Amino acid sequence: MIAAFAQAQTLKSDGTVNDSHNSTIGYLKSDGTVEDSHHSTIGYIKKDGTIEDSHHSTIGYVKKDGTMENSHHSTIGKVSGSNPNEAILKQFFFK
């Protein structure tokens, strides 16, 4: 595994997950699984916006405005575009 999903900083509208250095650490699949470049699961984003690590422990939430927060409501990242009309958000989270 090249990186832990907890290092995620940005989820781009194409499903690419980047860290704070803008390096790609994974990719969001249509079922909510986040995989690294070796197709190893590094986390999950559930349809309700819950962000989980590879052991299904909750590490945060995606709000409808695209902000990713931890359980203490501190911002830990964002969805690029931060718009509910972004294709990936509309298709995955806000059906």
PDB file of N, CA and C in Angstrom:
ATOM      1  N   MET A   1       0.837  -1.159   0.000  1.00  0.00           N
ATOM      2  CA  MET A   1       0.000   0.000   0.000  1.00  0.00           C
ATOM      3  C   MET A   1       0.895   1.239   0.000  1.00  0.00           C
ATOM      4  N   ILE A   2       0.657   2.146  -0.929  1.00  0.00           N
ATOM      5  CA  ILE A   2       1.534   3.311  -1.029  1.00  0.00           C
ATOM      6  C   ILE A   2       1.183   4.418  -0.047  1.00  0.00           C
ATOM      7  N   ALA A   3      -0.038   4.464   0.423  1.00  0.00           N
ATOM      8  CA  ALA A   3      -0.423   5.544   1.335  1.00  0.00           C
ATOM      9  C   ALA A   3      -1.693   5.168   2.070  1.00  0.00           C
ATOM     10  N   ALA A   4      -1.856   5.718   3.232  1.00  0.00           N
ATOM     11  CA  ALA A   4      -3.079   5.517   3.996  1.00  0.00           C
ATOM     12  C   ALA A   4      -4.134   6.502   3.520  1.00  0.00           C
ATOM     13  N   PHE A   5      -5.378   6.060   3.501  1.00  0.00           N
ATOM     14  CA  PHE A   5      -6.467   6.925   3.061  1.00  0.00           C
ATOM     15  C   PHE A   5      -6.627   8.120   3.987  1.00  0.00           C
ATOM     16  N   ALA A   6      -6.178   7.998   5.220  1.00  0.00           N
ATOM     17  CA  ALA A   6      -6.266   9.113   6.169  1.00  0.00           C
ATOM     18  C   ALA A   6      -5.453  10.317   5.704  1.00  0.00           C
ATOM     19  N   GLN A   7      -4.530  10.125   4.756  1.00  0.00           N
ATOM     20  CA  GLN A   7      -3.726  11.226   4.221  1.00  0.00           C
ATOM     21  C   GLN A   7      -4.430  11.964   3.092  1.00  0.00           C
ATOM     22  N   ALA A   8      -5.629  11.520   2.740  1.00  0.00           N
ATOM     23  CA  ALA A   8      -6.353  12.149   1.637  1.00  0.00           C
ATOM     24  C   ALA A   8      -6.656  13.599   1.961  1.00  0.00           C
ATOM     25  N   GLN A   9      -6.450  14.459   0.981  1.00  0.00           N
ATOM     26  CA  GLN A   9      -6.714  15.882   1.157  1.00  0.00           C
ATOM     27  C   GLN A   9      -7.750  16.371   0.159  1.00  0.00           C
ATOM     28  N   THR A  10      -7.726  15.828  -1.049  1.00  0.00           N
ATOM     29  CA  THR A  10      -8.612  16.300  -2.103  1.00  0.00           C
ATOM     30  C   THR A  10      -9.188  15.125  -2.875  1.00  0.00           C
ATOM     31  N   LEU A  11     -10.492  15.181  -3.121  1.00  0.00           N
ATOM     32  CA  LEU A  11     -11.159  14.227  -4.003  1.00  0.00           C
ATOM     33  C   LEU A  11     -11.573  15.008  -5.232  1.00  0.00           C
ATOM     34  N   LYS A  12     -10.952  14.692  -6.372  1.00  0.00           N
ATOM     35  CA  LYS A  12     -11.252  15.410  -7.606  1.00  0.00           C
ATOM     36  C   LYS A  12     -12.513  14.843  -8.240  1.00  0.00           C
ATOM     37  N   SER A  13     -13.118  15.611  -9.119  1.00  0.00           N
ATOM     38  CA  SER A  13     -14.375  15.202  -9.737  1.00  0.00           C
ATOM     39  C   SER A  13     -14.237  13.967 -10.614  1.00  0.00           C
ATOM     40  N   ASP A  14     -13.002  13.599 -10.996  1.00  0.00           N
ATOM     41  CA  ASP A  14     -12.802  12.376 -11.776  1.00  0.00           C
ATOM     42  C   ASP A  14     -12.560  11.158 -10.887  1.00  0.00           C
ATOM     43  N   GLY A  15     -12.624  11.334  -9.555  1.00  0.00           N
ATOM     44  CA  GLY A  15     -12.430  10.222  -8.628  1.00  0.00           C
ATOM     45  C   GLY A  15     -11.018  10.074  -8.112  1.00  0.00           C
ATOM     46  N   THR A  16     -10.098  10.912  -8.570  1.00  0.00           N
ATOM     47  CA  THR A  16      -8.719  10.854  -8.100  1.00  0.00           C
ATOM     48  C   THR A  16      -8.637  11.414  -6.682  1.00  0.00           C
ATOM     49  N   VAL A  17      -7.925  10.706  -5.797  1.00  0.00           N
ATOM     50  CA  VAL A  17      -7.734  11.141  -4.414  1.00  0.00           C
ATOM     51  C   VAL A  17      -6.283  11.589  -4.267  1.00  0.00           C
ATOM     52  N   ASN A  18      -6.082  12.846  -3.849  1.00  0.00           N
ATOM     53  CA  ASN A  18      -4.735  13.402  -3.696  1.00  0.00           C
ATOM     54  C   ASN A  18      -4.445  13.724  -2.236  1.00  0.00           C
ATOM     55  N   ASP A  19      -3.145  13.712  -1.890  1.00  0.00           N
ATOM     56  CA  ASP A  19      -2.723  14.115  -0.543  1.00  0.00           C
ATOM     57  C   ASP A  19      -2.449  15.616  -0.531  1.00  0.00           C
ATOM     58  N   SER A  20      -1.946  16.122   0.585  1.00  0.00           N
ATOM     59  CA  SER A  20      -1.720  17.564   0.722  1.00  0.00           C
ATOM     60  C   SER A  20      -0.622  18.100  -0.192  1.00  0.00           C
ATOM     61  N   HIS A  21       0.185  17.213  -0.776  1.00  0.00           N
ATOM     62  CA  HIS A  21       1.237  17.624  -1.714  1.00  0.00           C
ATOM     63  C   HIS A  21       0.771  17.492  -3.160  1.00  0.00           C
ATOM     64  N   ASN A  22      -0.535  17.246  -3.344  1.00  0.00           N
ATOM     65  CA  ASN A  22      -1.160  17.049  -4.646  1.00  0.00           C
ATOM     66  C   ASN A  22      -0.677  15.789  -5.355  1.00  0.00           C
ATOM     67  N   SER A  23      -0.124  14.840  -4.601  1.00  0.00           N
ATOM     68  CA  SER A  23       0.271  13.549  -5.167  1.00  0.00           C
ATOM     69  C   SER A  23      -0.927  12.609  -5.121  1.00  0.00           C
ATOM     70  N   THR A  24      -1.133  11.860  -6.190  1.00  0.00           N
ATOM     71  CA  THR A  24      -2.243  10.919  -6.241  1.00  0.00           C
ATOM     72  C   THR A  24      -1.959   9.742  -5.321  1.00  0.00           C
ATOM     73  N   ILE A  25      -2.906   9.480  -4.396  1.00  0.00           N
ATOM     74  CA  ILE A  25      -2.747   8.334  -3.494  1.00  0.00           C
ATOM     75  C   ILE A  25      -3.782   7.256  -3.759  1.00  0.00           C
ATOM     76  N   GLY A  26      -4.798   7.568  -4.563  1.00  0.00           N
ATOM     77  CA  GLY A  26      -5.800   6.553  -4.839  1.00  0.00           C
ATOM     78  C   GLY A  26      -6.852   7.032  -5.809  1.00  0.00           C
ATOM     79  N   TYR A  27      -7.821   6.146  -6.029  1.00  0.00           N
ATOM     80  CA  TYR A  27      -8.889   6.398  -6.983  1.00  0.00           C
ATOM     81  C   TYR A  27     -10.199   5.892  -6.398  1.00  0.00           C
ATOM     82  N   LEU A  28     -11.253   6.696  -6.482  1.00  0.00           N
ATOM     83  CA  LEU A  28     -12.571   6.311  -6.014  1.00  0.00           C
ATOM     84  C   LEU A  28     -13.280   5.539  -7.113  1.00  0.00           C
ATOM     85  N   LYS A  29     -13.683   4.304  -6.792  1.00  0.00           N
ATOM     86  CA  LYS A  29     -14.443   3.488  -7.734  1.00  0.00           C
ATOM     87  C   LYS A  29     -15.927   3.789  -7.570  1.00  0.00           C
ATOM     88  N   SER A  30     -16.736   3.366  -8.519  1.00  0.00           N
ATOM     89  CA  SER A  30     -18.162   3.681  -8.495  1.00  0.00           C
ATOM     90  C   SER A  30     -18.900   3.062  -7.314  1.00  0.00           C
ATOM     91  N   ASP A  31     -18.320   2.033  -6.677  1.00  0.00           N
ATOM     92  CA  ASP A  31     -18.972   1.419  -5.513  1.00  0.00           C
ATOM     93  C   ASP A  31     -18.534   2.048  -4.196  1.00  0.00           C
ATOM     94  N   GLY A  32     -17.696   3.087  -4.248  1.00  0.00           N
ATOM     95  CA  GLY A  32     -17.255   3.776  -3.048  1.00  0.00           C
ATOM     96  C   GLY A  32     -15.921   3.311  -2.507  1.00  0.00           C
ATOM     97  N   THR A  33     -15.363   2.260  -3.081  1.00  0.00           N
ATOM     98  CA  THR A  33     -14.053   1.772  -2.659  1.00  0.00           C
ATOM     99  C   THR A  33     -12.972   2.703  -3.190  1.00  0.00           C
ATOM    100  N   VAL A  34     -11.991   3.008  -2.348  1.00  0.00           N
ATOM    101  CA  VAL A  34     -10.840   3.800  -2.778  1.00  0.00           C
ATOM    102  C   VAL A  34      -9.649   2.861  -2.843  1.00  0.00           C
ATOM    103  N   GLU A  35      -9.033   2.779  -4.015  1.00  0.00           N
ATOM    104  CA  GLU A  35      -7.891   1.889  -4.229  1.00  0.00           C
ATOM    105  C   GLU A  35      -6.648   2.695  -4.558  1.00  0.00           C
ATOM    106  N   ASP A  36      -5.482   2.133  -4.178  1.00  0.00           N
ATOM    107  CA  ASP A  36      -4.219   2.752  -4.576  1.00  0.00           C
ATOM    108  C   ASP A  36      -3.869   2.287  -5.983  1.00  0.00           C
ATOM    109  N   SER A  37      -2.704   2.667  -6.475  1.00  0.00           N
ATOM    110  CA  SER A  37      -2.309   2.328  -7.847  1.00  0.00           C
ATOM    111  C   SER A  37      -2.071   0.839  -8.054  1.00  0.00           C
ATOM    112  N   HIS A  38      -1.961   0.084  -6.960  1.00  0.00           N
ATOM    113  CA  HIS A  38      -1.769  -1.367  -7.053  1.00  0.00           C
ATOM    114  C   HIS A  38      -3.082  -2.109  -6.844  1.00  0.00           C
ATOM    115  N   HIS A  39      -4.193  -1.389  -6.866  1.00  0.00           N
ATOM    116  CA  HIS A  39      -5.541  -1.927  -6.685  1.00  0.00           C
ATOM    117  C   HIS A  39      -5.776  -2.505  -5.302  1.00  0.00           C
ATOM    118  N   SER A  40      -4.994  -2.064  -4.321  1.00  0.00           N
ATOM    119  CA  SER A  40      -5.234  -2.437  -2.927  1.00  0.00           C
ATOM    120  C   SER A  40      -6.215  -1.436  -2.333  1.00  0.00           C
ATOM    121  N   THR A  41      -7.173  -1.925  -1.573  1.00  0.00           N
ATOM    122  CA  THR A  41      -8.154  -1.049  -0.947  1.00  0.00           C
ATOM    123  C   THR A  41      -7.502  -0.254   0.177  1.00  0.00           C
ATOM    124  N   ILE A  42      -7.650   1.077   0.114  1.00  0.00           N
ATOM    125  CA  ILE A  42      -7.102   1.937   1.168  1.00  0.00           C
ATOM    126  C   ILE A  42      -8.209   2.647   1.936  1.00  0.00           C
ATOM    127  N   GLY A  43      -9.450   2.502   1.502  1.00  0.00           N
ATOM    128  CA  GLY A  43     -10.552   3.123   2.211  1.00  0.00           C
ATOM    129  C   GLY A  43     -11.854   3.023   1.445  1.00  0.00           C
ATOM    130  N   TYR A  44     -12.864   3.648   2.023  1.00  0.00           N
ATOM    131  CA  TYR A  44     -14.204   3.609   1.450  1.00  0.00           C
ATOM    132  C   TYR A  44     -14.881   4.953   1.675  1.00  0.00           C
ATOM    133  N   ILE A  45     -15.735   5.338   0.743  1.00  0.00           N
ATOM    134  CA  ILE A  45     -16.635   6.462   0.950  1.00  0.00           C
ATOM    135  C   ILE A  45     -18.033   5.913   0.712  1.00  0.00           C
ATOM    136  N   LYS A  46     -18.844   5.917   1.757  1.00  0.00           N
ATOM    137  CA  LYS A  46     -20.185   5.357   1.678  1.00  0.00           C
ATOM    138  C   LYS A  46     -21.146   6.374   1.076  1.00  0.00           C
ATOM    139  N   LYS A  47     -22.295   5.892   0.625  1.00  0.00           N
ATOM    140  CA  LYS A  47     -23.273   6.757  -0.023  1.00  0.00           C
ATOM    141  C   LYS A  47     -23.783   7.872   0.881  1.00  0.00           C
ATOM    142  N   ASP A  48     -23.712   7.674   2.201  1.00  0.00           N
ATOM    143  CA  ASP A  48     -24.140   8.741   3.111  1.00  0.00           C
ATOM    144  C   ASP A  48     -23.025   9.749   3.380  1.00  0.00           C
ATOM    145  N   GLY A  49     -21.862   9.576   2.729  1.00  0.00           N
ATOM    146  CA  GLY A  49     -20.747  10.498   2.870  1.00  0.00           C
ATOM    147  C   GLY A  49     -19.734  10.107   3.923  1.00  0.00           C
ATOM    148  N   THR A  50     -19.965   8.994   4.628  1.00  0.00           N
ATOM    149  CA  THR A  50     -19.016   8.533   5.638  1.00  0.00           C
ATOM    150  C   THR A  50     -17.724   8.092   4.970  1.00  0.00           C
ATOM    151  N   ILE A  51     -16.589   8.552   5.499  1.00  0.00           N
ATOM    152  CA  ILE A  51     -15.269   8.167   4.998  1.00  0.00           C
ATOM    153  C   ILE A  51     -14.694   7.144   5.971  1.00  0.00           C
ATOM    154  N   GLU A  52     -14.285   5.978   5.444  1.00  0.00           N
ATOM    155  CA  GLU A  52     -13.731   4.916   6.278  1.00  0.00           C
ATOM    156  C   GLU A  52     -12.344   4.533   5.797  1.00  0.00           C
ATOM    157  N   ASP A  53     -11.506   4.068   6.740  1.00  0.00           N
ATOM    158  CA  ASP A  53     -10.202   3.537   6.353  1.00  0.00           C
ATOM    159  C   ASP A  53     -10.376   2.100   5.867  1.00  0.00           C
ATOM    160  N   SER A  54      -9.279   1.426   5.565  1.00  0.00           N
ATOM    161  CA  SER A  54      -9.355   0.078   4.995  1.00  0.00           C
ATOM    162  C   SER A  54      -9.908  -0.959   5.965  1.00  0.00           C
ATOM    163  N   HIS A  55      -9.998  -0.612   7.255  1.00  0.00           N
ATOM    164  CA  HIS A  55     -10.548  -1.530   8.265  1.00  0.00           C
ATOM    165  C   HIS A  55     -11.975  -1.143   8.645  1.00  0.00           C
ATOM    166  N   HIS A  56     -12.596  -0.292   7.839  1.00  0.00           N
ATOM    167  CA  HIS A  56     -13.964   0.191   8.035  1.00  0.00           C
ATOM    168  C   HIS A  56     -14.142   1.040   9.287  1.00  0.00           C
ATOM    169  N   SER A  57     -13.066   1.632   9.788  1.00  0.00           N
ATOM    170  CA  SER A  57     -13.177   2.585  10.897  1.00  0.00           C
ATOM    171  C   SER A  57     -13.479   3.963  10.314  1.00  0.00           C
ATOM    172  N   THR A  58     -14.458   4.639  10.865  1.00  0.00           N
ATOM    173  CA  THR A  58     -14.840   5.959  10.372  1.00  0.00           C
ATOM    174  C   THR A  58     -13.749   6.977  10.685  1.00  0.00           C
ATOM    175  N   ILE A  59     -13.320   7.694   9.635  1.00  0.00           N
ATOM    176  CA  ILE A  59     -12.298   8.728   9.822  1.00  0.00           C
ATOM    177  C   ILE A  59     -12.816  10.109   9.451  1.00  0.00           C
ATOM    178  N   GLY A  60     -14.019  10.181   8.894  1.00  0.00           N
ATOM    179  CA  GLY A  60     -14.568  11.480   8.540  1.00  0.00           C
ATOM    180  C   GLY A  60     -15.844  11.371   7.736  1.00  0.00           C
ATOM    181  N   TYR A  61     -16.254  12.528   7.215  1.00  0.00           N
ATOM    182  CA  TYR A  61     -17.508  12.629   6.479  1.00  0.00           C
ATOM    183  C   TYR A  61     -17.351  13.633   5.345  1.00  0.00           C
ATOM    184  N   VAL A  62     -18.054  13.381   4.233  1.00  0.00           N
ATOM    185  CA  VAL A  62     -18.131  14.346   3.139  1.00  0.00           C
ATOM    186  C   VAL A  62     -19.475  15.048   3.273  1.00  0.00           C
ATOM    187  N   LYS A  63     -19.442  16.366   3.405  1.00  0.00           N
ATOM    188  CA  LYS A  63     -20.671  17.147   3.486  1.00  0.00           C
ATOM    189  C   LYS A  63     -21.149  17.477   2.076  1.00  0.00           C
ATOM    190  N   LYS A  64     -22.405  17.872   1.945  1.00  0.00           N
ATOM    191  CA  LYS A  64     -22.969  18.164   0.631  1.00  0.00           C
ATOM    192  C   LYS A  64     -22.269  19.309  -0.081  1.00  0.00           C
ATOM    193  N   ASP A  65     -21.592  20.191   0.667  1.00  0.00           N
ATOM    194  CA  ASP A  65     -20.879  21.294   0.013  1.00  0.00           C
ATOM    195  C   ASP A  65     -19.486  20.881  -0.454  1.00  0.00           C
ATOM    196  N   GLY A  66     -19.121  19.591  -0.237  1.00  0.00           N
ATOM    197  CA  GLY A  66     -17.831  19.086  -0.700  1.00  0.00           C
ATOM    198  C   GLY A  66     -16.739  19.103   0.344  1.00  0.00           C
ATOM    199  N   THR A  67     -17.016  19.657   1.518  1.00  0.00           N
ATOM    200  CA  THR A  67     -16.028  19.680   2.594  1.00  0.00           C
ATOM    201  C   THR A  67     -15.929  18.300   3.229  1.00  0.00           C
ATOM    202  N   MET A  68     -14.701  17.837   3.479  1.00  0.00           N
ATOM    203  CA  MET A  68     -14.490  16.589   4.208  1.00  0.00           C
ATOM    204  C   MET A  68     -14.084  16.960   5.624  1.00  0.00           C
ATOM    205  N   GLU A  69     -14.815  16.424   6.616  1.00  0.00           N
ATOM    206  CA  GLU A  69     -14.538  16.734   8.012  1.00  0.00           C
ATOM    207  C   GLU A  69     -14.244  15.468   8.796  1.00  0.00           C
ATOM    208  N   ASN A  70     -13.470  15.614   9.885  1.00  0.00           N
ATOM    209  CA  ASN A  70     -13.260  14.488  10.788  1.00  0.00           C
ATOM    210  C   ASN A  70     -14.409  14.455  11.793  1.00  0.00           C
ATOM    211  N   SER A  71     -14.363  13.515  12.749  1.00  0.00           N
ATOM    212  CA  SER A  71     -15.464  13.360  13.703  1.00  0.00           C
ATOM    213  C   SER A  71     -15.605  14.543  14.655  1.00  0.00           C
ATOM    214  N   HIS A  72     -14.599  15.405  14.714  1.00  0.00           N
ATOM    215  CA  HIS A  72     -14.653  16.605  15.549  1.00  0.00           C
ATOM    216  C   HIS A  72     -15.079  17.834  14.746  1.00  0.00           C
ATOM    217  N   HIS A  73     -15.528  17.602  13.514  1.00  0.00           N
ATOM    218  CA  HIS A  73     -15.998  18.651  12.605  1.00  0.00           C
ATOM    219  C   HIS A  73     -14.902  19.615  12.172  1.00  0.00           C
ATOM    220  N   SER A  74     -13.651  19.176  12.215  1.00  0.00           N
ATOM    221  CA  SER A  74     -12.544  19.959  11.668  1.00  0.00           C
ATOM    222  C   SER A  74     -12.374  19.584  10.207  1.00  0.00           C
ATOM    223  N   THR A  75     -12.156  20.554   9.350  1.00  0.00           N
ATOM    224  CA  THR A  75     -11.974  20.289   7.924  1.00  0.00           C
ATOM    225  C   THR A  75     -10.672  19.537   7.701  1.00  0.00           C
ATOM    226  N   ILE A  76     -10.768  18.401   6.994  1.00  0.00           N
ATOM    227  CA  ILE A  76      -9.585  17.594   6.696  1.00  0.00           C
ATOM    228  C   ILE A  76      -9.316  17.509   5.204  1.00  0.00           C
ATOM    229  N   GLY A  77     -10.218  18.048   4.395  1.00  0.00           N
ATOM    230  CA  GLY A  77     -10.024  18.001   2.953  1.00  0.00           C
ATOM    231  C   GLY A  77     -11.216  18.600   2.240  1.00  0.00           C
ATOM    232  N   LYS A  78     -11.224  18.446   0.922  1.00  0.00           N
ATOM    233  CA  LYS A  78     -12.311  18.995   0.125  1.00  0.00           C
ATOM    234  C   LYS A  78     -12.475  18.180  -1.138  1.00  0.00           C
ATOM    235  N   VAL A  79     -13.655  18.301  -1.714  1.00  0.00           N
ATOM    236  CA  VAL A  79     -13.909  17.728  -3.023  1.00  0.00           C
ATOM    237  C   VAL A  79     -13.628  18.827  -4.023  1.00  0.00           C
ATOM    238  N   SER A  80     -12.758  18.546  -4.990  1.00  0.00           N
ATOM    239  CA  SER A  80     -12.407  19.537  -5.995  1.00  0.00           C
ATOM    240  C   SER A  80     -13.662  19.979  -6.728  1.00  0.00           C
ATOM    241  N   GLY A  81     -13.891  21.255  -6.775  1.00  0.00           N
ATOM    242  CA  GLY A  81     -15.090  21.786  -7.397  1.00  0.00           C
ATOM    243  C   GLY A  81     -16.160  22.096  -6.371  1.00  0.00           C
ATOM    244  N   SER A  82     -16.152  21.370  -5.265  1.00  0.00           N
ATOM    245  CA  SER A  82     -17.072  21.591  -4.141  1.00  0.00           C
ATOM    246  C   SER A  82     -18.488  21.945  -4.581  1.00  0.00           C
ATOM    247  N   ASN A  83     -18.976  21.268  -5.581  1.00  0.00           N
ATOM    248  CA  ASN A  83     -20.287  21.572  -6.125  1.00  0.00           C
ATOM    249  C   ASN A  83     -21.092  20.284  -6.215  1.00  0.00           C
ATOM    250  N   PRO A  84     -22.275  20.219  -5.604  1.00  0.00           N
ATOM    251  CA  PRO A  84     -23.071  18.995  -5.654  1.00  0.00           C
ATOM    252  C   PRO A  84     -23.431  18.560  -7.060  1.00  0.00           C
ATOM    253  N   ASN A  85     -23.260  19.433  -8.042  1.00  0.00           N
ATOM    254  CA  ASN A  85     -23.553  19.054  -9.416  1.00  0.00           C
ATOM    255  C   ASN A  85     -22.375  18.392 -10.117  1.00  0.00           C
ATOM    256  N   GLU A  86     -21.197  18.319  -9.441  1.00  0.00           N
ATOM    257  CA  GLU A  86     -20.078  17.584 -10.028  1.00  0.00           C
ATOM    258  C   GLU A  86     -20.551  16.162 -10.300  1.00  0.00           C
ATOM    259  N   ALA A  87     -20.198  15.620 -11.414  1.00  0.00           N
ATOM    260  CA  ALA A  87     -20.713  14.319 -11.835  1.00  0.00           C
ATOM    261  C   ALA A  87     -20.517  13.232 -10.789  1.00  0.00           C
ATOM    262  N   ILE A  88     -19.330  13.133 -10.225  1.00  0.00           N
ATOM    263  CA  ILE A  88     -19.079  12.038  -9.288  1.00  0.00           C
ATOM    264  C   ILE A  88     -19.910  12.200  -8.021  1.00  0.00           C
ATOM    265  N   LEU A  89     -20.089  13.414  -7.554  1.00  0.00           N
ATOM    266  CA  LEU A  89     -20.898  13.628  -6.362  1.00  0.00           C
ATOM    267  C   LEU A  89     -22.361  13.347  -6.645  1.00  0.00           C
ATOM    268  N   LYS A  90     -22.837  13.858  -7.749  1.00  0.00           N
ATOM    269  CA  LYS A  90     -24.243  13.673  -8.087  1.00  0.00           C
ATOM    270  C   LYS A  90     -24.562  12.195  -8.261  1.00  0.00           C
ATOM    271  N   GLN A  91     -23.691  11.479  -8.946  1.00  0.00           N
ATOM    272  CA  GLN A  91     -23.933  10.072  -9.218  1.00  0.00           C
ATOM    273  C   GLN A  91     -23.793   9.226  -7.960  1.00  0.00           C
ATOM    274  N   PHE A  92     -22.825   9.532  -7.122  1.00  0.00           N
ATOM    275  CA  PHE A  92     -22.524   8.650  -6.000  1.00  0.00           C
ATOM    276  C   PHE A  92     -23.224   9.036  -4.706  1.00  0.00           C
ATOM    277  N   PHE A  93     -23.131  10.280  -4.289  1.00  0.00           N
ATOM    278  CA  PHE A  93     -23.615  10.674  -2.967  1.00  0.00           C
ATOM    279  C   PHE A  93     -25.058  11.151  -2.934  1.00  0.00           C
ATOM    280  N   PHE A  94     -25.481  11.900  -3.932  1.00  0.00           N
ATOM    281  CA  PHE A  94     -26.719  12.662  -3.777  1.00  0.00           C
ATOM    282  C   PHE A  94     -27.835  12.158  -4.677  1.00  0.00           C
ATOM    283  N   LYS A  95     -28.000  10.850  -4.756  1.00  0.00           N
ATOM    284  CA  LYS A  95     -29.078  10.273  -5.566  1.00  0.00           C
ATOM    285  C   LYS A  95     -30.417  10.528  -4.928  1.00  0.00           C
TER     286      LYS A  95
END
